Amino acid sequence: MIRNIFTSQALDEIKEICRSVISEQMKQPVPISVGTETEETRQKLQRIMAKEFVTVNEAACLLSVSDQHIRNLITKAKKGQAKRPIPYRDLDGVTTFRLSELLEWSEPRKLRKVS
């Protein structure tokens, strides 16, 4: 049907234009779209990193774990059941973490050489 409307020369020109456009598009870097959720997470982490003390929810976000996991770590620390207790502070029933201590605690321990 298209062949009836366009001449052979017109079709060749359209094909050439299409090839040219596709070629140019292939040279362009594909933009990576940052979704709204990704941007919100980035902003949330920036706010957390700007604080000296963080909440249970913020600690969970920062460490990419659930709030309940953080609460379980606190419970184990309170009961003395943790080899490396999470460094929390209980401020009259409100649990907080000093950001610098939490980040240091979260780093893997270096292997010690046995003499």
N, C-alpha and C. Protein backbone atom coordinates (compact mmCIF):
# COMPACT_ATOMS: atom_id res chain seq x y z
N MET A 1 0.81 -1.17 0.00
CA MET A 1 0.00 0.00 0.00
C MET A 1 0.87 1.26 0.00
N ILE A 2 1.94 1.29 0.80
CA ILE A 2 2.84 2.43 0.84
C ILE A 2 3.51 2.63 -0.52
N ARG A 3 3.83 1.55 -1.17
CA ARG A 3 4.49 1.65 -2.48
C ARG A 3 3.60 2.37 -3.50
N ASN A 4 2.31 2.24 -3.33
CA ASN A 4 1.40 2.92 -4.25
C ASN A 4 1.42 4.43 -4.04
N ILE A 5 1.66 4.89 -2.82
CA ILE A 5 1.63 6.31 -2.50
C ILE A 5 2.96 6.97 -2.85
N PHE A 6 4.09 6.32 -2.51
CA PHE A 6 5.41 6.91 -2.70
C PHE A 6 6.11 6.30 -3.92
N THR A 7 6.93 7.09 -4.54
CA THR A 7 7.74 6.59 -5.64
C THR A 7 8.91 5.83 -5.05
N SER A 8 9.55 5.08 -5.87
CA SER A 8 10.72 4.32 -5.45
C SER A 8 11.80 5.24 -4.91
N GLN A 9 12.01 6.35 -5.56
CA GLN A 9 13.03 7.30 -5.12
C GLN A 9 12.67 7.88 -3.74
N ALA A 10 11.40 8.19 -3.52
CA ALA A 10 10.96 8.73 -2.23
C ALA A 10 11.17 7.71 -1.12
N LEU A 11 10.85 6.44 -1.40
CA LEU A 11 11.06 5.38 -0.41
C LEU A 11 12.53 5.24 -0.06
N ASP A 12 13.40 5.30 -1.06
CA ASP A 12 14.84 5.22 -0.81
C ASP A 12 15.30 6.37 0.08
N GLU A 13 14.78 7.57 -0.19
CA GLU A 13 15.16 8.73 0.63
C GLU A 13 14.66 8.57 2.06
N ILE A 14 13.44 8.07 2.26
CA ILE A 14 12.89 7.84 3.60
C ILE A 14 13.74 6.81 4.34
N LYS A 15 14.10 5.73 3.66
CA LYS A 15 14.95 4.71 4.28
C LYS A 15 16.28 5.30 4.71
N GLU A 16 16.88 6.12 3.87
CA GLU A 16 18.16 6.74 4.18
C GLU A 16 18.03 7.66 5.40
N ILE A 17 16.96 8.42 5.46
CA ILE A 17 16.72 9.29 6.62
C ILE A 17 16.58 8.45 7.88
N CYS A 18 15.84 7.37 7.79
CA CYS A 18 15.67 6.48 8.95
C CYS A 18 17.00 5.90 9.41
N ARG A 19 17.81 5.44 8.46
CA ARG A 19 19.14 4.90 8.80
C ARG A 19 19.98 5.96 9.49
N SER A 20 19.93 7.18 8.98
CA SER A 20 20.70 8.27 9.54
C SER A 20 20.27 8.57 10.98
N VAL A 21 18.96 8.63 11.21
CA VAL A 21 18.43 8.91 12.54
C VAL A 21 18.83 7.79 13.51
N ILE A 22 18.66 6.55 13.09
CA ILE A 22 19.02 5.42 13.95
C ILE A 22 20.51 5.43 14.25
N SER A 23 21.32 5.72 13.25
CA SER A 23 22.77 5.78 13.45
C SER A 23 23.13 6.84 14.48
N GLU A 24 22.52 8.01 14.37
CA GLU A 24 22.78 9.10 15.33
C GLU A 24 22.32 8.71 16.73
N GLN A 25 21.18 8.04 16.82
CA GLN A 25 20.66 7.62 18.13
C GLN A 25 21.58 6.59 18.78
N MET A 26 22.18 5.74 17.97
CA MET A 26 23.09 4.71 18.50
C MET A 26 24.34 5.35 19.08
N LYS A 27 24.74 6.51 18.57
CA LYS A 27 25.93 7.21 19.06
C LYS A 27 25.67 7.93 20.37
N GLN A 28 24.42 8.27 20.63
CA GLN A 28 24.06 9.01 21.84
C GLN A 28 24.04 8.06 23.03
N PRO A 29 24.60 8.50 24.18
CA PRO A 29 24.49 7.66 25.36
C PRO A 29 23.03 7.57 25.80
N VAL A 30 22.67 6.41 26.24
CA VAL A 30 21.30 6.20 26.69
C VAL A 30 21.16 6.83 28.07
N PRO A 31 20.25 7.79 28.22
CA PRO A 31 20.11 8.42 29.54
C PRO A 31 19.54 7.42 30.54
N ILE A 32 20.13 7.42 31.71
CA ILE A 32 19.65 6.55 32.78
C ILE A 32 18.65 7.36 33.58
N SER A 33 17.42 6.93 33.56
CA SER A 33 16.41 7.68 34.29
C SER A 33 16.47 7.29 35.76
N VAL A 34 16.55 8.29 36.57
CA VAL A 34 16.54 8.06 38.01
C VAL A 34 15.09 8.16 38.44
N GLY A 35 14.57 7.06 38.89
CA GLY A 35 13.17 7.03 39.30
C GLY A 35 12.94 7.86 40.55
N THR A 36 11.71 8.16 40.78
CA THR A 36 11.34 8.95 41.95
C THR A 36 11.77 8.26 43.23
N GLU A 37 11.59 6.94 43.29
CA GLU A 37 11.96 6.19 44.50
C GLU A 37 13.47 6.26 44.73
N THR A 38 14.25 6.14 43.67
CA THR A 38 15.70 6.22 43.79
C THR A 38 16.13 7.59 44.30
N GLU A 39 15.54 8.61 43.76
CA GLU A 39 15.87 9.98 44.16
C GLU A 39 15.47 10.22 45.62
N GLU A 40 14.31 9.73 46.02
CA GLU A 40 13.86 9.88 47.41
C GLU A 40 14.81 9.16 48.37
N THR A 41 15.26 7.98 47.98
CA THR A 41 16.20 7.23 48.82
C THR A 41 17.53 7.96 48.94
N ARG A 42 18.01 8.51 47.83
CA ARG A 42 19.26 9.26 47.85
C ARG A 42 19.15 10.47 48.79
N GLN A 43 18.04 11.18 48.70
CA GLN A 43 17.85 12.34 49.55
C GLN A 43 17.72 11.94 51.02
N LYS A 44 17.05 10.84 51.27
CA LYS A 44 16.89 10.35 52.65
C LYS A 44 18.25 9.99 53.24
N LEU A 45 19.08 9.30 52.45
CA LEU A 45 20.41 8.94 52.93
C LEU A 45 21.28 10.17 53.18
N GLN A 46 21.14 11.19 52.34
CA GLN A 46 21.88 12.43 52.56
C GLN A 46 21.47 13.07 53.88
N ARG A 47 20.16 13.08 54.17
CA ARG A 47 19.69 13.66 55.44
C ARG A 47 20.22 12.87 56.62
N ILE A 48 20.22 11.55 56.50
CA ILE A 48 20.71 10.69 57.59
C ILE A 48 22.19 10.95 57.83
N MET A 49 22.97 11.01 56.76
CA MET A 49 24.42 11.19 56.89
C MET A 49 24.79 12.56 57.45
N ALA A 50 23.87 13.51 57.41
CA ALA A 50 24.13 14.85 57.93
C ALA A 50 23.89 14.94 59.44
N LYS A 51 23.34 13.90 60.03
CA LYS A 51 22.98 13.91 61.45
C LYS A 51 24.09 13.30 62.31
N GLU A 52 24.09 13.66 63.58
CA GLU A 52 25.03 13.02 64.51
C GLU A 52 24.41 11.77 65.13
N PHE A 53 23.10 11.83 65.40
CA PHE A 53 22.38 10.70 65.96
C PHE A 53 21.25 10.31 65.02
N VAL A 54 21.01 9.00 64.90
CA VAL A 54 19.96 8.50 64.02
C VAL A 54 19.00 7.60 64.79
N THR A 55 17.80 7.48 64.26
CA THR A 55 16.76 6.65 64.86
C THR A 55 16.89 5.19 64.40
N VAL A 56 16.06 4.34 64.97
CA VAL A 56 16.03 2.93 64.56
C VAL A 56 15.68 2.84 63.07
N ASN A 57 14.66 3.58 62.63
CA ASN A 57 14.25 3.54 61.22
C ASN A 57 15.37 4.02 60.31
N GLU A 58 16.05 5.08 60.71
CA GLU A 58 17.14 5.62 59.89
C GLU A 58 18.32 4.65 59.85
N ALA A 59 18.62 4.01 60.97
CA ALA A 59 19.70 3.01 61.01
C ALA A 59 19.37 1.85 60.08
N ALA A 60 18.11 1.42 60.09
CA ALA A 60 17.69 0.32 59.22
C ALA A 60 17.85 0.71 57.75
N CYS A 61 17.45 1.92 57.42
CA CYS A 61 17.59 2.41 56.03
C CYS A 61 19.06 2.45 55.64
N LEU A 62 19.88 3.00 56.51
CA LEU A 62 21.30 3.16 56.23
C LEU A 62 21.99 1.82 56.03
N LEU A 63 21.61 0.82 56.81
CA LEU A 63 22.25 -0.50 56.74
C LEU A 63 21.51 -1.46 55.80
N SER A 64 20.44 -1.00 55.18
CA SER A 64 19.64 -1.82 54.26
C SER A 64 19.12 -3.09 54.91
N VAL A 65 18.57 -2.92 56.10
CA VAL A 65 17.95 -4.03 56.81
C VAL A 65 16.59 -3.55 57.31
N SER A 66 15.80 -4.45 57.85
CA SER A 66 14.49 -4.07 58.35
C SER A 66 14.61 -3.43 59.73
N ASP A 67 13.58 -2.67 60.10
CA ASP A 67 13.52 -2.08 61.44
C ASP A 67 13.55 -3.19 62.49
N GLN A 68 12.84 -4.28 62.19
CA GLN A 68 12.78 -5.38 63.16
C GLN A 68 14.15 -6.01 63.38
N HIS A 69 14.96 -6.08 62.33
CA HIS A 69 16.30 -6.63 62.50
C HIS A 69 17.12 -5.75 63.45
N ILE A 70 17.01 -4.44 63.30
CA ILE A 70 17.71 -3.52 64.21
C ILE A 70 17.21 -3.73 65.64
N ARG A 71 15.89 -3.85 65.80
CA ARG A 71 15.33 -4.07 67.14
C ARG A 71 15.83 -5.39 67.74
N ASN A 72 15.96 -6.44 66.89
CA ASN A 72 16.50 -7.72 67.38
C ASN A 72 17.95 -7.57 67.83
N LEU A 73 18.74 -6.80 67.07
CA LEU A 73 20.14 -6.56 67.46
C LEU A 73 20.22 -5.81 68.78
N ILE A 74 19.32 -4.86 69.00
CA ILE A 74 19.28 -4.11 70.26
C ILE A 74 18.93 -5.05 71.41
N THR A 75 17.93 -5.90 71.20
CA THR A 75 17.53 -6.86 72.24
C THR A 75 18.68 -7.78 72.60
N LYS A 76 19.40 -8.29 71.61
CA LYS A 76 20.55 -9.16 71.88
C LYS A 76 21.64 -8.39 72.63
N ALA A 77 21.85 -7.13 72.27
CA ALA A 77 22.85 -6.32 72.96
C ALA A 77 22.45 -6.10 74.42
N LYS A 78 21.19 -5.84 74.67
CA LYS A 78 20.70 -5.62 76.04
C LYS A 78 20.86 -6.87 76.90
N LYS A 79 20.64 -8.04 76.27
CA LYS A 79 20.72 -9.31 77.00
C LYS A 79 22.15 -9.84 77.08
N GLY A 80 23.09 -9.16 76.44
CA GLY A 80 24.48 -9.63 76.45
C GLY A 80 24.68 -10.86 75.58
N GLN A 81 23.86 -11.04 74.57
CA GLN A 81 23.92 -12.23 73.72
C GLN A 81 24.65 -11.98 72.41
N ALA A 82 25.23 -10.80 72.22
CA ALA A 82 25.87 -10.48 70.95
C ALA A 82 27.38 -10.43 71.12
N LYS A 83 28.10 -11.04 70.16
CA LYS A 83 29.56 -10.97 70.18
C LYS A 83 30.02 -9.53 69.94
N ARG A 84 29.34 -8.87 69.02
CA ARG A 84 29.61 -7.45 68.71
C ARG A 84 28.31 -6.69 68.86
N PRO A 85 27.98 -6.26 70.08
CA PRO A 85 26.70 -5.59 70.28
C PRO A 85 26.60 -4.28 69.49
N ILE A 86 25.43 -4.03 68.97
CA ILE A 86 25.20 -2.81 68.22
C ILE A 86 25.30 -1.62 69.19
N PRO A 87 25.99 -0.57 68.81
CA PRO A 87 26.22 0.56 69.74
C PRO A 87 25.02 1.51 69.79
N TYR A 88 24.08 1.20 70.66
CA TYR A 88 22.86 2.01 70.76
C TYR A 88 22.89 2.85 72.03
N ARG A 89 21.99 3.80 72.08
CA ARG A 89 21.79 4.61 73.28
C ARG A 89 20.30 4.59 73.60
N ASP A 90 19.99 4.38 74.86
CA ASP A 90 18.61 4.40 75.30
C ASP A 90 18.39 5.72 76.04
N LEU A 91 17.67 6.62 75.41
CA LEU A 91 17.39 7.93 76.00
C LEU A 91 15.98 7.92 76.59
N ASP A 92 15.90 7.35 77.78
CA ASP A 92 14.62 7.27 78.49
C ASP A 92 13.55 6.62 77.62
N GLY A 93 13.90 5.48 77.01
CA GLY A 93 12.95 4.71 76.21
C GLY A 93 13.04 4.96 74.72
N VAL A 94 13.80 5.96 74.31
CA VAL A 94 13.98 6.24 72.88
C VAL A 94 15.37 5.77 72.48
N THR A 95 15.42 4.85 71.54
CA THR A 95 16.71 4.30 71.11
C THR A 95 17.27 5.13 69.97
N THR A 96 18.54 5.51 70.11
CA THR A 96 19.24 6.24 69.05
C THR A 96 20.61 5.63 68.87
N PHE A 97 21.27 6.05 67.81
CA PHE A 97 22.62 5.58 67.50
C PHE A 97 23.47 6.78 67.12
N ARG A 98 24.70 6.84 67.62
CA ARG A 98 25.63 7.85 67.11
C ARG A 98 26.07 7.34 65.74
N LEU A 99 25.87 8.15 64.73
CA LEU A 99 26.13 7.74 63.35
C LEU A 99 27.54 7.19 63.17
N SER A 100 28.53 7.88 63.68
CA SER A 100 29.92 7.44 63.48
C SER A 100 30.17 6.07 64.10
N GLU A 101 29.60 5.83 65.28
CA GLU A 101 29.77 4.53 65.94
C GLU A 101 29.05 3.42 65.17
N LEU A 102 27.86 3.73 64.68
CA LEU A 102 27.09 2.74 63.92
C LEU A 102 27.82 2.35 62.64
N LEU A 103 28.35 3.33 61.94
CA LEU A 103 29.07 3.04 60.70
C LEU A 103 30.34 2.23 60.98
N GLU A 104 31.05 2.59 62.04
CA GLU A 104 32.26 1.83 62.40
C GLU A 104 31.88 0.40 62.78
N TRP A 105 30.82 0.24 63.55
CA TRP A 105 30.36 -1.09 63.96
C TRP A 105 29.97 -1.93 62.75
N SER A 106 29.40 -1.30 61.74
CA SER A 106 28.90 -2.05 60.58
C SER A 106 30.01 -2.53 59.64
N GLU A 107 31.19 -1.94 59.75
CA GLU A 107 32.31 -2.36 58.91
C GLU A 107 32.79 -3.75 59.33
N PRO A 108 33.15 -4.59 58.38
CA PRO A 108 33.66 -5.92 58.75
C PRO A 108 34.98 -5.79 59.51
N ARG A 109 35.13 -6.64 60.49
CA ARG A 109 36.38 -6.62 61.25
C ARG A 109 37.49 -7.20 60.42
N LYS A 110 38.65 -6.60 60.53
CA LYS A 110 39.82 -7.10 59.82
C LYS A 110 40.29 -8.37 60.50
N LEU A 111 40.76 -9.28 59.70
CA LEU A 111 41.29 -10.53 60.25
C LEU A 111 42.60 -10.25 60.96
N ARG A 112 42.70 -10.75 62.16
CA ARG A 112 43.93 -10.55 62.92
C ARG A 112 44.88 -11.71 62.68
N LYS A 113 46.16 -11.39 62.55
CA LYS A 113 47.15 -12.44 62.39
C LYS A 113 47.39 -13.10 63.72
N VAL A 114 47.41 -14.42 63.70
CA VAL A 114 47.68 -15.18 64.92
C VAL A 114 49.18 -15.46 64.97
N SER A 115 49.82 -15.05 66.04
CA SER A 115 51.28 -15.25 66.15
C SER A 115 51.60 -16.61 66.68
